[in-house]
Protein backbone atom coordinates (compact mmCIF):
# COMPACT_ATOMS: atom_id res chain seq x y z
CA MET A 1 73.83 148.85 118.38
CA LYS A 2 73.72 145.12 117.91
CA LYS A 3 75.06 145.55 114.37
CA VAL A 4 78.00 147.60 115.72
CA VAL A 5 78.81 145.00 118.37
CA ALA A 6 78.58 142.21 115.80
CA ALA A 7 80.89 144.12 113.44
CA LEU A 8 83.44 144.65 116.23
CA MET A 9 83.30 140.99 117.19
CA LEU A 10 83.81 139.99 113.55
CA LEU A 11 86.79 142.35 113.32
CA VAL A 12 88.33 140.83 116.48
CA ILE A 13 87.82 137.32 115.07
CA VAL A 14 89.47 138.28 111.75
CA VAL A 15 92.44 139.95 113.48
CA ALA A 16 92.86 136.95 115.78
CA ALA A 17 92.73 134.59 112.84
CA VAL A 18 95.32 136.63 110.93
CA SER A 19 97.56 136.77 114.02
CA ALA A 20 97.21 133.05 114.54
CA GLU A 21 98.13 132.26 110.95
CA ASP A 22 100.77 134.93 110.39
CA ARG A 23 103.37 133.53 112.82
CA ARG A 24 106.20 133.52 110.25
CA VAL A 25 107.79 136.82 109.36
CA VAL A 26 109.92 136.63 106.23
CA VAL A 27 112.70 139.23 106.06
CA PRO A 28 114.10 139.47 102.50
CA VAL A 29 117.29 141.30 103.55
CA ASN A 30 118.54 141.61 107.11
CA VAL A 31 121.70 143.55 108.01
CA SER A 32 122.76 142.63 111.55
CA PHE A 33 125.22 144.19 113.97
CA PHE A 34 123.84 142.49 117.08
CA PRO A 35 121.58 139.45 117.44
CA PHE A 36 117.83 140.08 117.24
CA TYR A 37 115.72 137.38 118.81
CA GLY A 38 112.37 137.72 117.05
CA LEU A 39 109.29 139.89 117.36
CA SER A 40 107.67 137.82 120.09
CA PRO A 41 107.84 134.26 121.39
CA SER A 42 105.04 133.31 118.98
CA VAL A 43 106.66 134.76 115.84
CA THR A 44 109.23 132.95 113.69
CA VAL A 45 111.66 135.20 111.83
CA VAL A 46 112.84 133.77 108.51
CA ASN A 47 115.71 135.49 106.72
CA ASN A 48 116.32 135.17 103.00
CA VAL A 49 119.53 137.20 102.87
CA GLN A 50 121.37 137.77 106.14
CA LEU A 51 124.36 140.13 106.13
CA ASN A 52 126.17 139.77 109.44
CA ILE A 53 128.48 142.70 110.06
CA GLY A 54 128.53 141.55 113.67
CA VAL A 55 126.35 138.73 115.02
CA GLY A 56 123.20 137.92 113.12
CA TYR A 57 120.29 135.84 114.38
CA ALA A 58 117.21 134.38 112.75
CA ASP A 59 114.84 131.61 113.72
CA GLU A 60 115.23 130.09 110.26
CA LEU A 61 117.31 130.74 107.18
CA ASP A 62 115.86 130.21 103.73
CA GLY A 63 118.61 131.59 101.55
CA VAL A 64 122.11 132.78 102.36
CA ALA A 65 123.86 134.23 105.42
CA ILE A 66 127.17 136.01 104.91
CA GLY A 67 129.40 137.78 107.40
CA VAL A 68 131.09 137.29 110.78
CA VAL A 69 128.76 135.21 112.97
CA SER A 70 125.51 133.59 111.88
CA VAL A 71 123.23 132.06 114.49
CA ILE A 72 120.13 130.23 113.26
CA GLY A 73 117.85 128.99 116.02
CA ASP A 74 116.24 126.26 113.96
CA SER A 75 116.67 124.98 110.41
CA VAL A 76 118.84 126.20 107.55
CA ASN A 77 117.73 125.77 103.97
CA GLY A 78 120.55 127.36 102.07
CA THR A 79 124.11 128.40 102.81
CA GLN A 80 125.91 129.96 105.77
CA VAL A 81 129.22 131.60 104.80
CA ASN A 82 130.64 133.21 107.93
CA VAL A 83 133.57 133.01 110.29
CA VAL A 84 131.28 131.17 112.73
CA ASN A 85 128.15 129.32 111.62
CA LEU A 86 125.75 127.92 114.23
CA ALA A 87 122.47 126.10 113.58
CA GLY A 88 120.08 124.78 116.20
CA GLY A 89 118.27 122.51 113.76
CA SER A 90 119.00 120.71 110.55
CA VAL A 91 120.99 122.13 107.65
CA THR A 92 120.01 121.48 104.05
CA GLY A 93 122.74 123.10 102.02
CA ALA A 94 126.18 124.07 103.26
CA GLN A 95 128.07 125.66 106.13
CA ILE A 96 131.33 127.30 105.06
CA GLY A 97 133.50 129.04 107.65
CA VAL A 98 136.12 128.65 110.34
CA VAL A 99 133.74 127.03 112.84
CA ASN A 100 130.61 125.17 111.68
CA LEU A 101 128.38 123.59 114.32
CA THR A 102 124.95 122.03 113.89
CA ALA A 103 122.65 120.54 116.52
CA GLY A 104 120.66 118.63 113.92
CA SER A 105 121.61 116.77 110.77
CA VAL A 106 123.37 118.07 107.67
CA SER A 107 122.24 117.28 104.14
CA GLY A 108 124.99 118.89 102.17
CA ALA A 109 128.49 119.89 103.23
CA GLN A 110 130.48 121.41 106.07
CA VAL A 111 133.72 123.07 105.00
CA GLY A 112 135.89 124.83 107.58
CA VAL A 113 138.53 124.46 110.26
CA VAL A 114 136.24 122.87 112.86
CA ASN A 115 133.09 121.06 111.73
CA GLY A 116 130.70 119.40 114.17
CA THR A 117 127.23 117.89 114.19
CA ILE A 118 125.05 116.11 116.70
CA GLY A 119 122.94 114.57 113.97
CA ASP A 120 124.09 112.63 110.95
CA VAL A 121 125.86 114.07 107.91
CA ARG A 122 124.70 113.18 104.40
CA GLY A 123 127.60 114.67 102.52
CA PRO A 124 131.25 115.61 103.07
CA GLN A 125 132.96 117.19 106.05
CA VAL A 126 136.17 118.93 104.99
CA GLY A 127 138.30 120.65 107.61
CA VAL A 128 141.04 120.32 110.18
CA VAL A 129 138.79 118.71 112.81
CA ASN A 130 135.60 116.92 111.69
CA THR A 131 133.23 115.39 114.24
CA SER A 132 129.81 113.79 114.10
CA LEU A 133 128.11 112.24 117.11
CA SER A 134 125.93 110.34 114.68
CA GLY A 135 126.77 108.74 111.35
CA VAL A 136 128.46 110.23 108.31
CA GLN A 137 127.27 109.07 104.89
CA GLY A 138 129.93 110.97 103.02
CA PRO A 139 133.70 111.41 103.34
CA GLN A 140 135.47 113.04 106.27
CA ILE A 141 138.63 114.76 105.02
CA GLY A 142 140.82 116.49 107.58
CA VAL A 143 143.57 116.15 110.14
CA VAL A 144 141.38 114.60 112.86
CA ASN A 145 138.14 112.82 111.92
CA VAL A 146 135.75 111.42 114.53
CA SER A 147 132.32 109.89 113.94
CA ARG A 148 130.00 107.13 115.05
CA GLN A 149 129.84 105.61 111.55
CA SER A 150 131.79 106.45 108.43
CA PRO A 151 132.37 105.03 104.92
CA LEU A 152 135.53 107.10 104.29
CA GLN A 153 137.93 108.92 106.58
CA THR A 154 141.11 110.54 105.30
CA GLY A 155 143.38 112.30 107.78
CA VAL A 156 146.21 111.98 110.26
CA VAL A 157 143.99 110.49 113.00
CA ASN A 158 140.74 108.72 112.12
CA ALA A 159 138.41 107.35 114.78
CA THR A 160 134.98 105.80 114.44
CA VAL A 161 132.75 103.22 116.07
CA ASP A 162 131.73 101.49 112.83
CA ALA A 163 133.93 101.82 109.76
CA SER A 164 132.23 100.46 106.65
CA GLY A 165 134.75 101.66 104.09
CA VAL A 166 138.29 103.03 104.05
CA GLN A 167 140.23 104.68 106.84
CA LEU A 168 143.32 106.30 105.32
CA GLY A 169 145.65 107.96 107.80
CA VAL A 170 148.62 107.69 110.10
CA VAL A 171 146.53 106.35 113.01
CA ASN A 172 143.22 104.60 112.41
CA VAL A 173 141.02 103.48 115.30
CA ALA A 174 137.68 101.68 115.02
CA VAL A 175 135.59 99.62 117.38
CA ARG A 176 134.42 97.59 114.40
CA ASN A 177 135.80 97.77 110.86
CA SER A 178 134.24 95.91 107.95
CA GLY A 179 136.28 97.90 105.45
CA ALA A 180 139.98 98.62 105.06
CA PRO A 181 142.15 100.65 107.47
CA ILE A 182 145.29 101.87 105.71
CA GLY A 183 147.94 103.56 107.81
CA ILE A 184 150.98 103.18 110.01
CA VAL A 185 148.92 102.17 113.07
CA SER A 186 145.48 100.61 112.58
CA VAL A 187 143.55 99.44 115.64
CA VAL A 188 140.32 97.42 115.43
CA LEU A 189 138.96 96.75 118.91
CA GLU A 190 136.36 94.15 117.94
CA GLY A 191 136.77 91.56 115.19
CA GLY A 192 140.31 92.57 114.20
CA GLN A 193 143.45 90.48 114.11
CA THR A 194 146.74 90.60 115.99
CA HIS A 195 149.43 87.97 115.41
CA VAL A 196 153.14 87.46 115.93
CA GLU A 197 155.09 85.87 113.10
CA SER A 198 158.65 84.61 112.70
CA TRP A 199 160.31 83.46 109.48
CA VAL A 200 163.61 82.92 107.73
CA ASP A 201 164.10 84.00 104.12
CA GLU A 202 166.43 83.34 101.18
CA THR A 203 169.11 85.73 102.50
CA GLY A 204 169.44 83.96 105.84
CA LEU A 205 167.80 86.82 107.74
CA VAL A 206 165.56 85.81 110.64
CA SER A 207 162.60 88.14 111.12
CA VAL A 208 159.94 88.69 113.75
CA GLY A 209 156.79 90.54 112.75
CA LEU A 210 153.66 91.91 114.40
CA VAL A 211 150.53 91.70 112.24
CA HIS A 212 147.82 94.08 113.40
CA GLY A 213 144.63 95.36 111.73
CA SER A 214 141.22 94.34 110.44
CA GLN A 215 140.19 91.03 108.92
CA ARG A 216 140.79 92.44 105.45
CA THR A 217 143.82 94.72 105.71
CA TYR A 218 146.62 94.94 108.21
CA ASN A 219 149.93 96.54 109.11
CA ILE A 220 153.05 94.52 109.76
CA TYR A 221 155.99 95.76 111.83
CA THR A 222 159.22 93.76 111.56
CA VAL A 223 162.66 93.35 113.09
CA SER A 224 165.22 91.35 111.10
CA SER A 225 168.79 90.23 111.71
CA ASP A 226 171.35 87.67 110.67
CA VAL A 227 172.98 85.35 113.21
CA THR A 228 176.01 87.65 113.59
CA LEU A 229 173.84 90.75 114.18
CA GLU A 230 175.83 92.54 111.47
CA ASN A 231 172.69 93.20 109.42
CA VAL A 232 169.85 94.55 111.53
CA ALA A 233 166.72 96.01 109.93
CA LEU A 234 163.44 97.58 110.99
CA GLY A 235 160.51 97.21 108.64
CA LEU A 236 156.99 98.42 108.06
CA GLY A 237 154.46 96.98 105.64
CA LEU A 238 150.85 96.87 104.53
CA GLY A 239 148.92 93.83 103.42
CA ALA A 240 145.58 92.29 102.44
CA HIS A 241 144.22 89.18 104.16
CA PHE A 242 141.99 86.54 102.55
CA ALA A 243 140.64 84.12 105.14
CA GLY A 244 139.44 80.55 104.74
CA GLU A 245 138.14 78.04 107.27
CA HIS A 246 141.50 76.53 108.24
CA SER A 247 143.86 78.33 105.89
CA TRP A 248 144.39 81.83 104.63
CA SER A 249 146.46 83.79 102.14
CA ARG A 250 148.03 87.23 102.17
CA VAL A 251 149.69 89.68 99.82
CA GLU A 252 151.78 92.52 101.22
CA VAL A 253 154.45 95.09 100.53
CA LEU A 254 157.23 95.54 103.06
CA GLY A 255 160.05 98.05 103.40
CA SER A 256 163.02 97.49 105.73
CA THR A 257 165.84 99.91 106.56
CA PHE A 258 169.20 98.46 107.65
CA TYR A 259 171.16 99.97 110.50
CA GLU A 260 174.81 99.81 111.42
CA ALA A 261 175.77 97.26 114.07
CA GLY A 262 175.40 98.85 117.49
CA GLY A 263 173.82 101.94 116.01
CA ILE A 264 170.22 100.87 115.69
CA PHE A 265 167.74 103.75 115.95
CA ARG A 266 170.68 106.18 115.56
CA SER A 267 172.30 105.77 112.15
CA SER A 268 171.06 104.10 108.99
CA SER A 269 173.54 102.15 106.91
CA GLY A 270 172.08 103.71 103.76
CA ALA A 271 170.45 100.50 102.52
CA THR A 272 166.74 99.77 102.21
CA ARG A 273 165.07 96.60 101.02
CA PHE A 274 161.59 96.57 99.46
CA SER A 275 159.69 93.29 99.10
CA ALA A 276 156.42 92.30 97.49
CA ARG A 277 155.28 89.05 99.11
CA GLY A 278 152.57 86.49 98.70
CA TYR A 279 152.12 83.65 101.14
CA VAL A 280 149.73 81.18 102.66
CA GLY A 281 149.12 79.92 106.17
CA TYR A 282 147.60 76.75 107.56
CA GLN A 283 146.34 76.61 111.12
CA VAL A 284 147.52 73.71 113.25
CA GLY A 285 146.10 74.21 116.71
CA PRO A 286 147.31 77.53 118.14
CA VAL A 287 150.12 77.77 115.57
CA ALA A 288 149.92 78.47 111.85
CA LEU A 289 152.59 77.35 109.41
CA ILE A 290 153.40 80.06 106.85
CA GLY A 291 155.36 80.07 103.63
CA GLY A 292 155.54 82.06 100.43
CA VAL A 293 157.50 83.79 97.70
CA SER A 294 158.74 87.33 97.22
CA PHE A 295 160.20 89.80 94.76
CA ASN A 296 162.97 91.90 96.32
CA TYR A 297 164.65 95.19 95.53
CA LEU A 298 167.69 96.41 97.50
CA MET A 299 168.58 100.08 97.22
CA ASP A 300 172.10 100.16 98.65
CA PHE A 301 173.89 103.48 99.20
CA SER A 302 176.03 102.29 102.08
CA GLU A 303 179.73 103.15 101.98
CA ASP A 304 181.06 99.59 101.85
CA GLY A 305 178.03 97.89 100.36
CA LEU A 306 175.60 95.82 102.37
CA ASP A 307 176.61 92.18 102.80
CA LEU A 308 173.21 90.82 101.84
CA ALA A 309 172.66 88.34 99.02
CA PRO A 310 170.23 85.53 98.23
CA LEU A 311 171.62 82.12 99.16
CA HIS A 312 170.51 80.70 95.81
CA GLY A 313 172.92 83.15 94.15
CA PHE A 314 170.50 84.33 91.46
CA GLU A 315 169.83 87.99 90.69
CA PHE A 316 167.91 89.44 87.76
CA ASP A 317 169.97 90.72 84.82
CA PHE A 318 168.89 94.34 85.35
CA SER A 319 170.60 94.44 88.77
CA ILE A 320 173.52 96.85 89.24
CA ASP A 321 175.78 97.60 92.21
CA ARG A 322 173.47 100.04 93.97
CA HIS A 323 170.18 98.54 92.80
CA ARG A 324 169.74 94.78 93.07
CA PHE A 325 166.72 92.61 92.29
CA TRP A 326 166.09 88.94 93.02
CA PRO A 327 163.33 86.41 93.73
CA GLY A 328 162.98 84.93 97.17
CA ALA A 329 161.08 82.58 99.42
CA PHE A 330 160.50 82.25 103.14
CA ILE A 331 159.03 79.87 105.68
CA GLY A 332 157.97 80.35 109.28
CA VAL A 333 155.25 80.22 111.92
CA GLN A 334 152.52 82.49 113.23
CA LEU A 335 151.00 82.66 116.67
């Protein structure tokens, strides 16, 4: 009798040991219509191949999930290719779908319409809307890109707390930017630069410009006119800033469109001036003196021809009626 009891006890111990160790159930192929939430609270279901005709669930994915909706409660080591991909843990691999959301980090790529992570992303996010509540160590390429830290954002609207590389878009916003924002509007909340400039150039035009951007790159928005207000132009440019202790230098490209007198914002005269400029500034108290040289190209398709010419009277030999080229210079102040 004692031998029987001992054998039963040994069997119970072996079964308990097996149950304690065998807490992971690996399912090689799982075809899902509705989510299945595991065998018991103590068992982890790991899918290798998950075919989601409806909504598929697994505790972990070690392979590939394909279908409509894939829900992984914990980590993904592989690829989710579904309309909706959700992961409660980290993703090592890729999420490809319309909506890709991860509660952990991503080591790989998210490609879809909406991509979002709570953790960091070590790889690219490519979609219409890309968000990361933590940092992104790869590029964000989309229409709207939002992250806490990013080395590269390319889209219509880019927003980040710390930009360490390039923001390329229509609107770029950063709390701090140690890289280069390139766009129509670039806002750096901390450590950026905003200045107002005024200068007169070789054509007699008087211009007022707003310089706004980071310490390295900036946008410039200009309004120009002659004393008779016959030639009025609105301009937009992009430049690079090289700072010294009391002086600085800049190179920039600027395009200005001329408007008919009294018709500003309504009708263009058909003439546009493009300028490549290089200039220096020297700080004297709150004011900086600026001056530099330029190379100018006037594309003039106005009916009567734009009355704009360099006061020095020199134009390059390859100038023609509709396309004129000349060197220039300007001097002014910056606040």
